[in-house]
Amino acid sequence: MLALYKVITIVIGCLMIAFGIDFFLVPIKVLDGGFIGLALIGNYLFSFNVGIILIVLSLPAFIYTWLNARGMFFHSLFGMVLLSFFIDMFGIFEPFGSEIRSYPFVGSIIGGMLIGIGFGILLRIDASTGGIDLVAKLLSHRMRINVGVLILMMDAIVVGLGGLLFSADTFFLSVATITAGGLATSLCTVKFFSY
């Protein structure tokens, strides 16, 4: 059973991620990394729903989590379904579209920060939205690498792929997005020790 504070935290984290994607990245056709980036590529190329693609791509990560970390499974499943719903629901709105298209670099940074903070909030309570952040959370314990840094490395691979499919502008704005997101996630998940 999900504790109320975890449910509220997951909702807030998923809302921030969905806002960052739909209101800041999609209007300028910028990519995030990970499974969200792959889902955005599918949306930009074929007009597929981002949330549906995200669910399909996350299935292998959920199978792995079920087998290896069941404590994270239910929180992450709830986060993934909620995020997919919010992304597809907010996808019909474009409140800042003209402003974001006028200042794409600013939009990329703000979108990346919202996404990174959303992921960081989820990761602090051992929840995620499935996909790369879930895989990174599981691997960070074994590899002893900050989860935000690990997500940043994985995101770079997806953005590199996107750079081959889209323009140089899309590539560089996407790099700005994942850098801002990775830094925001790192700041949200860093552990402060007193000596």
N, C-alpha and C. Protein backbone atom coordinates (compact mmCIF):
# COMPACT_ATOMS: atom_id res chain seq x y z
N MET A 1 0.84 -1.19 0.00
CA MET A 1 0.00 0.00 0.00
C MET A 1 0.88 1.24 0.00
N LEU A 2 0.56 2.18 -0.86
CA LEU A 2 1.34 3.40 -0.94
C LEU A 2 0.95 4.36 0.17
N ALA A 3 1.93 4.85 0.91
CA ALA A 3 1.65 5.84 1.94
C ALA A 3 1.20 7.14 1.27
N LEU A 4 0.36 7.89 1.96
CA LEU A 4 -0.21 9.12 1.38
C LEU A 4 0.88 10.09 0.96
N TYR A 5 1.91 10.27 1.79
CA TYR A 5 2.96 11.22 1.42
C TYR A 5 3.70 10.77 0.17
N LYS A 6 3.86 9.46 -0.03
CA LYS A 6 4.50 8.98 -1.25
C LYS A 6 3.62 9.22 -2.45
N VAL A 7 2.32 9.01 -2.31
CA VAL A 7 1.39 9.25 -3.41
C VAL A 7 1.45 10.72 -3.82
N ILE A 8 1.39 11.62 -2.83
CA ILE A 8 1.43 13.05 -3.12
C ILE A 8 2.75 13.42 -3.78
N THR A 9 3.85 12.87 -3.28
CA THR A 9 5.17 13.16 -3.84
C THR A 9 5.28 12.65 -5.28
N ILE A 10 4.76 11.46 -5.55
CA ILE A 10 4.80 10.92 -6.90
C ILE A 10 3.97 11.78 -7.84
N VAL A 11 2.80 12.23 -7.39
CA VAL A 11 1.96 13.10 -8.22
C VAL A 11 2.70 14.39 -8.54
N ILE A 12 3.32 15.02 -7.55
CA ILE A 12 4.05 16.27 -7.76
C ILE A 12 5.22 16.05 -8.73
N GLY A 13 5.99 14.99 -8.51
CA GLY A 13 7.12 14.71 -9.40
C GLY A 13 6.68 14.48 -10.83
N CYS A 14 5.62 13.70 -11.02
CA CYS A 14 5.12 13.41 -12.37
C CYS A 14 4.56 14.65 -13.04
N LEU A 15 3.89 15.51 -12.26
CA LEU A 15 3.39 16.77 -12.83
C LEU A 15 4.53 17.64 -13.32
N MET A 16 5.61 17.73 -12.53
CA MET A 16 6.75 18.56 -12.94
C MET A 16 7.38 18.02 -14.23
N ILE A 17 7.53 16.71 -14.31
CA ILE A 17 8.12 16.11 -15.50
C ILE A 17 7.23 16.36 -16.72
N ALA A 18 5.93 16.14 -16.56
CA ALA A 18 4.99 16.34 -17.67
C ALA A 18 4.97 17.81 -18.11
N PHE A 19 4.97 18.74 -17.15
CA PHE A 19 5.02 20.17 -17.51
C PHE A 19 6.28 20.47 -18.32
N GLY A 20 7.41 19.97 -17.85
CA GLY A 20 8.67 20.22 -18.54
C GLY A 20 8.65 19.71 -19.96
N ILE A 21 8.07 18.54 -20.15
CA ILE A 21 8.03 17.93 -21.49
C ILE A 21 7.04 18.66 -22.39
N ASP A 22 5.78 18.73 -21.95
CA ASP A 22 4.71 19.23 -22.82
C ASP A 22 4.76 20.74 -23.03
N PHE A 23 5.12 21.49 -21.99
CA PHE A 23 5.05 22.94 -22.10
C PHE A 23 6.36 23.58 -22.57
N PHE A 24 7.49 22.87 -22.44
CA PHE A 24 8.76 23.47 -22.79
C PHE A 24 9.52 22.75 -23.90
N LEU A 25 9.48 21.43 -23.94
CA LEU A 25 10.25 20.70 -24.95
C LEU A 25 9.49 20.48 -26.24
N VAL A 26 8.27 20.00 -26.14
CA VAL A 26 7.50 19.65 -27.33
C VAL A 26 7.28 20.84 -28.28
N PRO A 27 6.98 22.06 -27.77
CA PRO A 27 6.76 23.17 -28.70
C PRO A 27 7.96 23.47 -29.60
N ILE A 28 9.18 23.14 -29.13
CA ILE A 28 10.37 23.42 -29.94
C ILE A 28 11.03 22.14 -30.45
N LYS A 29 10.32 21.00 -30.31
CA LYS A 29 10.80 19.72 -30.82
C LYS A 29 12.19 19.37 -30.27
N VAL A 30 12.33 19.51 -28.95
CA VAL A 30 13.59 19.20 -28.27
C VAL A 30 13.42 17.86 -27.57
N LEU A 31 14.52 17.14 -27.43
CA LEU A 31 14.50 15.82 -26.81
C LEU A 31 14.98 15.87 -25.38
N ASP A 32 14.45 14.98 -24.58
CA ASP A 32 15.03 14.64 -23.30
C ASP A 32 15.76 13.34 -23.55
N GLY A 33 16.40 12.81 -22.56
CA GLY A 33 17.10 11.56 -22.75
C GLY A 33 16.24 10.38 -22.33
N GLY A 34 16.84 9.22 -22.30
CA GLY A 34 16.18 8.02 -21.82
C GLY A 34 14.98 7.62 -22.64
N PHE A 35 14.08 6.90 -21.97
CA PHE A 35 12.88 6.42 -22.65
C PHE A 35 11.97 7.58 -23.06
N ILE A 36 11.98 8.66 -22.29
CA ILE A 36 11.18 9.82 -22.67
C ILE A 36 11.70 10.39 -23.98
N GLY A 37 13.01 10.46 -24.12
CA GLY A 37 13.60 10.94 -25.37
C GLY A 37 13.23 10.05 -26.55
N LEU A 38 13.26 8.74 -26.34
CA LEU A 38 12.86 7.81 -27.40
C LEU A 38 11.38 7.98 -27.73
N ALA A 39 10.55 8.19 -26.70
CA ALA A 39 9.13 8.41 -26.94
C ALA A 39 8.89 9.72 -27.69
N LEU A 40 9.68 10.76 -27.37
CA LEU A 40 9.55 12.03 -28.09
C LEU A 40 9.97 11.87 -29.55
N ILE A 41 11.01 11.08 -29.80
CA ILE A 41 11.42 10.82 -31.19
C ILE A 41 10.26 10.16 -31.94
N GLY A 42 9.61 9.18 -31.30
CA GLY A 42 8.45 8.53 -31.93
C GLY A 42 7.32 9.49 -32.18
N ASN A 43 7.13 10.44 -31.25
CA ASN A 43 6.09 11.45 -31.42
C ASN A 43 6.43 12.42 -32.55
N TYR A 44 7.67 12.90 -32.60
CA TYR A 44 8.06 13.87 -33.63
C TYR A 44 8.06 13.25 -35.02
N LEU A 45 8.45 11.99 -35.12
CA LEU A 45 8.52 11.35 -36.43
C LEU A 45 7.19 10.78 -36.90
N PHE A 46 6.43 10.18 -35.97
CA PHE A 46 5.24 9.43 -36.38
C PHE A 46 3.95 9.89 -35.69
N SER A 47 4.02 10.93 -34.86
CA SER A 47 2.86 11.45 -34.12
C SER A 47 2.24 10.43 -33.16
N PHE A 48 3.04 9.48 -32.67
CA PHE A 48 2.57 8.54 -31.66
C PHE A 48 2.41 9.27 -30.33
N ASN A 49 1.51 8.78 -29.47
CA ASN A 49 1.35 9.35 -28.13
C ASN A 49 2.60 9.04 -27.30
N VAL A 50 3.16 10.07 -26.70
CA VAL A 50 4.38 9.90 -25.90
C VAL A 50 4.13 8.95 -24.73
N GLY A 51 3.01 9.10 -24.05
CA GLY A 51 2.72 8.26 -22.88
C GLY A 51 2.61 6.78 -23.22
N ILE A 52 1.98 6.47 -24.33
CA ILE A 52 1.84 5.06 -24.74
C ILE A 52 3.21 4.46 -25.06
N ILE A 53 4.03 5.20 -25.81
CA ILE A 53 5.38 4.71 -26.15
C ILE A 53 6.18 4.50 -24.86
N LEU A 54 6.04 5.42 -23.92
CA LEU A 54 6.76 5.33 -22.65
C LEU A 54 6.39 4.05 -21.89
N ILE A 55 5.13 3.70 -21.87
CA ILE A 55 4.69 2.48 -21.20
C ILE A 55 5.31 1.25 -21.87
N VAL A 56 5.25 1.20 -23.19
CA VAL A 56 5.79 0.05 -23.93
C VAL A 56 7.29 -0.09 -23.69
N LEU A 57 8.03 1.02 -23.77
CA LEU A 57 9.48 0.97 -23.58
C LEU A 57 9.87 0.58 -22.15
N SER A 58 9.01 0.91 -21.18
CA SER A 58 9.34 0.65 -19.78
C SER A 58 9.09 -0.79 -19.34
N LEU A 59 8.39 -1.56 -20.13
CA LEU A 59 8.06 -2.93 -19.71
C LEU A 59 9.28 -3.77 -19.33
N PRO A 60 10.37 -3.79 -20.12
CA PRO A 60 11.53 -4.60 -19.70
C PRO A 60 12.13 -4.14 -18.36
N ALA A 61 12.15 -2.83 -18.12
CA ALA A 61 12.67 -2.32 -16.85
C ALA A 61 11.80 -2.78 -15.69
N PHE A 62 10.49 -2.85 -15.91
CA PHE A 62 9.59 -3.30 -14.85
C PHE A 62 9.72 -4.79 -14.59
N ILE A 63 9.96 -5.55 -15.61
CA ILE A 63 10.19 -6.99 -15.40
C ILE A 63 11.46 -7.19 -14.57
N TYR A 64 12.52 -6.45 -14.90
CA TYR A 64 13.77 -6.52 -14.13
C TYR A 64 13.53 -6.10 -12.69
N THR A 65 12.77 -5.03 -12.48
CA THR A 65 12.51 -4.55 -11.12
C THR A 65 11.68 -5.55 -10.33
N TRP A 66 10.71 -6.16 -10.98
CA TRP A 66 9.89 -7.17 -10.30
C TRP A 66 10.76 -8.32 -9.79
N LEU A 67 11.75 -8.69 -10.60
CA LEU A 67 12.62 -9.80 -10.24
C LEU A 67 13.68 -9.43 -9.22
N ASN A 68 14.13 -8.17 -9.21
CA ASN A 68 15.29 -7.79 -8.41
C ASN A 68 15.05 -6.75 -7.31
N ALA A 69 13.99 -5.98 -7.41
CA ALA A 69 13.77 -4.92 -6.41
C ALA A 69 12.27 -4.65 -6.28
N ARG A 70 11.56 -5.60 -5.72
CA ARG A 70 10.09 -5.47 -5.66
C ARG A 70 9.63 -4.28 -4.85
N GLY A 71 10.44 -3.83 -3.91
CA GLY A 71 10.06 -2.66 -3.12
C GLY A 71 9.85 -1.43 -3.98
N MET A 72 10.63 -1.31 -5.04
CA MET A 72 10.50 -0.16 -5.94
C MET A 72 9.43 -0.38 -7.00
N PHE A 73 9.03 -1.62 -7.22
CA PHE A 73 8.16 -1.94 -8.35
C PHE A 73 6.84 -1.18 -8.31
N PHE A 74 6.11 -1.25 -7.19
CA PHE A 74 4.77 -0.69 -7.14
C PHE A 74 4.79 0.84 -7.20
N HIS A 75 5.75 1.47 -6.48
CA HIS A 75 5.86 2.92 -6.55
C HIS A 75 6.20 3.37 -7.97
N SER A 76 7.09 2.62 -8.61
CA SER A 76 7.52 2.98 -9.96
C SER A 76 6.42 2.74 -10.98
N LEU A 77 5.67 1.66 -10.80
CA LEU A 77 4.55 1.38 -11.71
C LEU A 77 3.51 2.50 -11.63
N PHE A 78 3.19 2.91 -10.41
CA PHE A 78 2.25 4.02 -10.21
C PHE A 78 2.79 5.29 -10.88
N GLY A 79 4.08 5.57 -10.69
CA GLY A 79 4.69 6.75 -11.29
C GLY A 79 4.67 6.72 -12.81
N MET A 80 4.95 5.56 -13.38
CA MET A 80 4.98 5.44 -14.84
C MET A 80 3.59 5.63 -15.44
N VAL A 81 2.59 5.00 -14.85
CA VAL A 81 1.22 5.15 -15.37
C VAL A 81 0.76 6.59 -15.22
N LEU A 82 1.03 7.20 -14.08
CA LEU A 82 0.63 8.58 -13.84
C LEU A 82 1.34 9.54 -14.79
N LEU A 83 2.65 9.37 -14.96
CA LEU A 83 3.39 10.24 -15.86
C LEU A 83 2.89 10.10 -17.30
N SER A 84 2.67 8.89 -17.74
CA SER A 84 2.18 8.66 -19.10
C SER A 84 0.83 9.34 -19.30
N PHE A 85 -0.04 9.24 -18.29
CA PHE A 85 -1.34 9.89 -18.36
C PHE A 85 -1.18 11.41 -18.44
N PHE A 86 -0.36 11.99 -17.54
CA PHE A 86 -0.18 13.44 -17.53
C PHE A 86 0.42 13.94 -18.85
N ILE A 87 1.41 13.24 -19.38
CA ILE A 87 2.04 13.68 -20.63
C ILE A 87 1.01 13.70 -21.76
N ASP A 88 0.23 12.65 -21.87
CA ASP A 88 -0.76 12.61 -22.96
C ASP A 88 -1.90 13.59 -22.71
N MET A 89 -2.26 13.82 -21.45
CA MET A 89 -3.33 14.77 -21.14
C MET A 89 -2.88 16.21 -21.40
N PHE A 90 -1.67 16.58 -20.94
CA PHE A 90 -1.19 17.95 -21.14
C PHE A 90 -0.73 18.21 -22.56
N GLY A 91 -0.56 17.14 -23.34
CA GLY A 91 -0.11 17.29 -24.72
C GLY A 91 -1.06 18.09 -25.59
N ILE A 92 -2.31 18.24 -25.15
CA ILE A 92 -3.27 19.01 -25.95
C ILE A 92 -3.17 20.50 -25.67
N PHE A 93 -2.44 20.88 -24.62
CA PHE A 93 -2.29 22.30 -24.27
C PHE A 93 -0.94 22.82 -24.76
N GLU A 94 -0.88 24.09 -25.04
CA GLU A 94 0.39 24.72 -25.40
C GLU A 94 0.38 26.16 -24.88
N PRO A 95 0.41 26.32 -23.54
CA PRO A 95 0.23 27.66 -22.97
C PRO A 95 1.37 28.63 -23.25
N PHE A 96 2.60 28.13 -23.40
CA PHE A 96 3.74 29.01 -23.60
C PHE A 96 4.37 28.83 -24.97
N GLY A 97 3.65 28.20 -25.91
CA GLY A 97 4.23 27.80 -27.19
C GLY A 97 4.95 28.90 -27.93
N SER A 98 4.32 30.07 -28.11
CA SER A 98 4.96 31.13 -28.88
C SER A 98 6.16 31.70 -28.15
N GLU A 99 6.08 31.84 -26.83
CA GLU A 99 7.22 32.36 -26.06
C GLU A 99 8.39 31.38 -26.10
N ILE A 100 8.09 30.09 -25.97
CA ILE A 100 9.15 29.08 -25.99
C ILE A 100 9.82 29.04 -27.36
N ARG A 101 9.03 29.16 -28.42
CA ARG A 101 9.62 29.15 -29.76
C ARG A 101 10.48 30.40 -30.00
N SER A 102 10.16 31.50 -29.31
CA SER A 102 10.97 32.72 -29.45
C SER A 102 12.28 32.61 -28.68
N TYR A 103 12.29 31.86 -27.59
CA TYR A 103 13.48 31.71 -26.75
C TYR A 103 13.73 30.22 -26.50
N PRO A 104 14.14 29.48 -27.52
CA PRO A 104 14.25 28.03 -27.37
C PRO A 104 15.30 27.58 -26.35
N PHE A 105 16.40 28.33 -26.23
CA PHE A 105 17.42 27.92 -25.26
C PHE A 105 16.88 28.00 -23.84
N VAL A 106 16.18 29.09 -23.54
CA VAL A 106 15.58 29.25 -22.22
C VAL A 106 14.55 28.14 -21.97
N GLY A 107 13.74 27.85 -22.98
CA GLY A 107 12.76 26.77 -22.86
C GLY A 107 13.41 25.43 -22.59
N SER A 108 14.53 25.18 -23.26
CA SER A 108 15.25 23.91 -23.05
C SER A 108 15.76 23.80 -21.62
N ILE A 109 16.32 24.89 -21.11
CA ILE A 109 16.86 24.88 -19.74
C ILE A 109 15.74 24.71 -18.71
N ILE A 110 14.68 25.49 -18.86
CA ILE A 110 13.57 25.40 -17.90
C ILE A 110 12.93 24.01 -17.96
N GLY A 111 12.69 23.51 -19.18
CA GLY A 111 12.13 22.17 -19.32
C GLY A 111 13.02 21.12 -18.68
N GLY A 112 14.33 21.20 -18.93
CA GLY A 112 15.26 20.24 -18.33
C GLY A 112 15.28 20.31 -16.82
N MET A 113 15.22 21.54 -16.28
CA MET A 113 15.23 21.69 -14.82
C MET A 113 13.96 21.10 -14.20
N LEU A 114 12.80 21.37 -14.82
CA LEU A 114 11.55 20.81 -14.30
C LEU A 114 11.59 19.29 -14.32
N ILE A 115 12.06 18.74 -15.43
CA ILE A 115 12.14 17.28 -15.55
C ILE A 115 13.12 16.72 -14.52
N GLY A 116 14.28 17.34 -14.38
CA GLY A 116 15.28 16.88 -13.43
C GLY A 116 14.82 16.95 -11.99
N ILE A 117 14.15 18.04 -11.63
CA ILE A 117 13.63 18.16 -10.26
C ILE A 117 12.54 17.11 -10.03
N GLY A 118 11.68 16.91 -11.02
CA GLY A 118 10.65 15.89 -10.89
C GLY A 118 11.24 14.51 -10.66
N PHE A 119 12.26 14.16 -11.45
CA PHE A 119 12.91 12.87 -11.25
C PHE A 119 13.61 12.80 -9.89
N GLY A 120 14.25 13.88 -9.50
CA GLY A 120 14.94 13.91 -8.22
C GLY A 120 14.01 13.72 -7.05
N ILE A 121 12.84 14.36 -7.12
CA ILE A 121 11.82 14.20 -6.07
C ILE A 121 11.40 12.73 -5.96
N LEU A 122 11.18 12.10 -7.11
CA LEU A 122 10.76 10.70 -7.10
C LEU A 122 11.87 9.79 -6.57
N LEU A 123 13.08 10.02 -7.02
CA LEU A 123 14.18 9.15 -6.62
C LEU A 123 14.49 9.26 -5.13
N ARG A 124 14.25 10.41 -4.54
CA ARG A 124 14.50 10.57 -3.10
C ARG A 124 13.59 9.69 -2.25
N ILE A 125 12.43 9.32 -2.77
CA ILE A 125 11.52 8.46 -2.01
C ILE A 125 11.52 7.04 -2.56
N ASP A 126 12.56 6.70 -3.32
CA ASP A 126 12.69 5.37 -3.93
C ASP A 126 11.54 5.03 -4.87
N ALA A 127 11.07 6.03 -5.58
CA ALA A 127 10.07 5.82 -6.63
C ALA A 127 10.69 6.31 -7.94
N SER A 128 10.05 5.98 -9.02
CA SER A 128 10.51 6.47 -10.31
C SER A 128 9.34 6.38 -11.27
N THR A 129 9.61 6.62 -12.53
CA THR A 129 8.57 6.50 -13.55
C THR A 129 8.89 5.35 -14.49
N GLY A 130 9.71 4.44 -14.05
CA GLY A 130 10.12 3.35 -14.92
C GLY A 130 11.23 3.84 -15.83
N GLY A 131 11.58 3.05 -16.79
CA GLY A 131 12.56 3.48 -17.78
C GLY A 131 13.94 3.71 -17.24
N ILE A 132 14.63 4.67 -17.85
CA ILE A 132 16.04 4.92 -17.55
C ILE A 132 16.26 5.34 -16.10
N ASP A 133 15.37 6.15 -15.53
CA ASP A 133 15.59 6.57 -14.14
C ASP A 133 15.49 5.39 -13.18
N LEU A 134 14.61 4.44 -13.47
CA LEU A 134 14.51 3.23 -12.66
C LEU A 134 15.77 2.38 -12.81
N VAL A 135 16.21 2.18 -14.03
CA VAL A 135 17.44 1.42 -14.28
C VAL A 135 18.63 2.11 -13.61
N ALA A 136 18.71 3.43 -13.73
CA ALA A 136 19.81 4.18 -13.13
C ALA A 136 19.79 4.06 -11.60
N LYS A 137 18.61 4.12 -11.02
CA LYS A 137 18.50 3.99 -9.56
C LYS A 137 19.01 2.63 -9.10
N LEU A 138 18.65 1.58 -9.84
CA LEU A 138 19.10 0.23 -9.48
C LEU A 138 20.61 0.07 -9.69
N LEU A 139 21.13 0.63 -10.79
CA LEU A 139 22.56 0.48 -11.09
C LEU A 139 23.45 1.37 -10.23
N SER A 140 22.93 2.53 -9.78
CA SER A 140 23.77 3.47 -9.03
C SER A 140 24.28 2.86 -7.74
N HIS A 141 23.49 1.98 -7.13
CA HIS A 141 23.93 1.33 -5.89
C HIS A 141 25.10 0.39 -6.16
N ARG A 142 25.05 -0.30 -7.28
CA ARG A 142 26.11 -1.25 -7.60
C ARG A 142 27.36 -0.56 -8.14
N MET A 143 27.16 0.50 -8.93
CA MET A 143 28.29 1.17 -9.58
C MET A 143 28.88 2.30 -8.74
N ARG A 144 28.19 2.67 -7.66
CA ARG A 144 28.62 3.77 -6.78
C ARG A 144 28.83 5.06 -7.55
N ILE A 145 27.86 5.35 -8.42
CA ILE A 145 27.83 6.60 -9.18
C ILE A 145 26.54 7.30 -8.83
N ASN A 146 26.59 8.63 -8.65
CA ASN A 146 25.38 9.38 -8.37
C ASN A 146 24.35 9.11 -9.46
N VAL A 147 23.11 8.91 -9.05
CA VAL A 147 22.06 8.53 -9.99
C VAL A 147 21.85 9.61 -11.06
N GLY A 148 21.99 10.89 -10.70
CA GLY A 148 21.85 11.96 -11.68
C GLY A 148 22.91 11.91 -12.75
N VAL A 149 24.14 11.59 -12.35
CA VAL A 149 25.25 11.47 -13.32
C VAL A 149 25.01 10.28 -14.23
N LEU A 150 24.54 9.18 -13.68
CA LEU A 150 24.27 7.99 -14.48
C LEU A 150 23.16 8.26 -15.50
N ILE A 151 22.11 8.94 -15.07
CA ILE A 151 21.03 9.31 -15.99
C ILE A 151 21.56 10.22 -17.09
N LEU A 152 22.42 11.15 -16.73
CA LEU A 152 23.00 12.06 -17.72
C LEU A 152 23.78 11.30 -18.78
N MET A 153 24.54 10.28 -18.38
CA MET A 153 25.31 9.49 -19.35
C MET A 153 24.38 8.71 -20.28
N MET A 154 23.34 8.11 -19.72
CA MET A 154 22.39 7.35 -20.54
C MET A 154 21.62 8.29 -21.48
N ASP A 155 21.28 9.46 -20.98
CA ASP A 155 20.55 10.43 -21.79
C ASP A 155 21.37 10.90 -22.98
N ALA A 156 22.67 11.02 -22.78
CA ALA A 156 23.55 11.47 -23.87
C ALA A 156 23.47 10.53 -25.07
N ILE A 157 23.31 9.26 -24.82
CA ILE A 157 23.20 8.28 -25.92
C ILE A 157 21.94 8.54 -26.73
N VAL A 158 20.82 8.77 -26.03
CA VAL A 158 19.54 9.01 -26.73
C VAL A 158 19.59 10.32 -27.50
N VAL A 159 20.13 11.36 -26.88
CA VAL A 159 20.20 12.66 -27.55
C VAL A 159 21.13 12.60 -28.75
N GLY A 160 22.21 11.83 -28.64
CA GLY A 160 23.09 11.63 -29.80
C GLY A 160 22.35 10.99 -30.96
N LEU A 161 21.51 10.00 -30.66
CA LEU A 161 20.69 9.37 -31.69
C LEU A 161 19.73 10.39 -32.30
N GLY A 162 19.11 11.18 -31.44
CA GLY A 162 18.20 12.22 -31.92
C GLY A 162 18.91 13.25 -32.77
N GLY A 163 20.16 13.54 -32.44
CA GLY A 163 20.93 14.49 -33.23
C GLY A 163 21.15 14.02 -34.66
N LEU A 164 21.21 12.71 -34.82
CA LEU A 164 21.35 12.16 -36.17
C LEU A 164 20.05 12.26 -36.97
N LEU A 165 18.91 12.24 -36.27
CA LEU A 165 17.62 12.25 -36.95
C LEU A 165 17.07 13.66 -37.19
N PHE A 166 17.49 14.62 -36.37
CA PHE A 166 16.94 15.97 -36.45
C PHE A 166 18.06 16.96 -36.71
N SER A 167 17.76 18.23 -36.53
CA SER A 167 18.72 19.29 -36.85
C SER A 167 19.78 19.45 -35.77
N ALA A 168 20.82 20.20 -36.11
CA ALA A 168 21.87 20.53 -35.14
C ALA A 168 21.30 21.35 -33.99
N ASP A 169 20.34 22.24 -34.30
CA ASP A 169 19.70 23.02 -33.24
C ASP A 169 19.02 22.11 -32.23
N THR A 170 18.29 21.12 -32.74
CA THR A 170 17.62 20.18 -31.85
C THR A 170 18.63 19.46 -30.97
N PHE A 171 19.75 19.05 -31.57
CA PHE A 171 20.78 18.35 -30.81
C PHE A 171 21.33 19.23 -29.69
N PHE A 172 21.73 20.46 -30.00
CA PHE A 172 22.34 21.31 -28.99
C PHE A 172 21.35 21.75 -27.92
N LEU A 173 20.09 22.00 -28.31
CA LEU A 173 19.08 22.33 -27.31
C LEU A 173 18.78 21.12 -26.43
N SER A 174 18.82 19.93 -27.01
CA SER A 174 18.61 18.71 -26.23
C SER A 174 19.75 18.48 -25.26
N VAL A 175 20.98 18.79 -25.67
CA VAL A 175 22.12 18.69 -24.76
C VAL A 175 21.94 19.64 -23.59
N ALA A 176 21.46 20.86 -23.87
CA ALA A 176 21.19 21.81 -22.78
C ALA A 176 20.12 21.26 -21.84
N THR A 177 19.11 20.63 -22.41
CA THR A 177 18.02 20.07 -21.61
C THR A 177 18.51 18.97 -20.68
N ILE A 178 19.26 18.01 -21.22
CA ILE A 178 19.69 16.90 -20.36
C ILE A 178 20.76 17.34 -19.37
N THR A 179 21.55 18.35 -19.72
CA THR A 179 22.53 18.87 -18.76
C THR A 179 21.82 19.52 -17.59
N ALA A 180 20.85 20.38 -17.89
CA ALA A 180 20.08 21.04 -16.83
C ALA A 180 19.33 19.99 -16.01
N GLY A 181 18.75 19.01 -16.68
CA GLY A 181 18.02 17.96 -15.97
C GLY A 181 18.91 17.10 -15.10
N GLY A 182 20.07 16.72 -15.63
CA GLY A 182 21.01 15.91 -14.85
C GLY A 182 21.52 16.64 -13.62
N LEU A 183 21.82 17.93 -13.78
CA LEU A 183 22.28 18.72 -12.63
C LEU A 183 21.18 18.87 -11.60
N ALA A 184 19.96 19.13 -12.05
CA ALA A 184 18.84 19.26 -11.12
C ALA A 184 18.57 17.96 -10.37
N THR A 185 18.63 16.83 -11.08
CA THR A 185 18.43 15.53 -10.43
C THR A 185 19.54 15.27 -9.42
N SER A 186 20.78 15.57 -9.80
CA SER A 186 21.91 15.37 -8.89
C SER A 186 21.75 16.18 -7.62
N LEU A 187 21.34 17.44 -7.76
CA LEU A 187 21.16 18.28 -6.58
C LEU A 187 20.03 17.78 -5.68
N CYS A 188 18.99 17.21 -6.29
CA CYS A 188 17.87 16.68 -5.51
C CYS A 188 18.20 15.37 -4.82
N THR A 189 19.16 14.63 -5.37
CA THR A 189 19.43 13.29 -4.82
C THR A 189 20.74 13.21 -4.04
N VAL A 190 21.52 14.28 -4.00
CA VAL A 190 22.80 14.23 -3.30
C VAL A 190 22.54 14.08 -1.81
N LYS A 191 23.38 13.33 -1.16
CA LYS A 191 23.24 13.12 0.28
C LYS A 191 24.30 13.96 1.00
N PHE A 192 23.83 14.76 1.93
CA PHE A 192 24.72 15.61 2.69
C PHE A 192 25.08 14.90 3.99
N PHE A 193 26.38 14.79 4.24
CA PHE A 193 26.86 14.13 5.46
C PHE A 193 27.49 15.17 6.37
N SER A 194 27.27 15.06 7.66
CA SER A 194 27.96 15.94 8.61
C SER A 194 29.11 15.16 9.22
N TYR A 195 30.22 15.80 9.33
CA TYR A 195 31.41 15.15 9.87
C TYR A 195 31.74 15.71 11.22
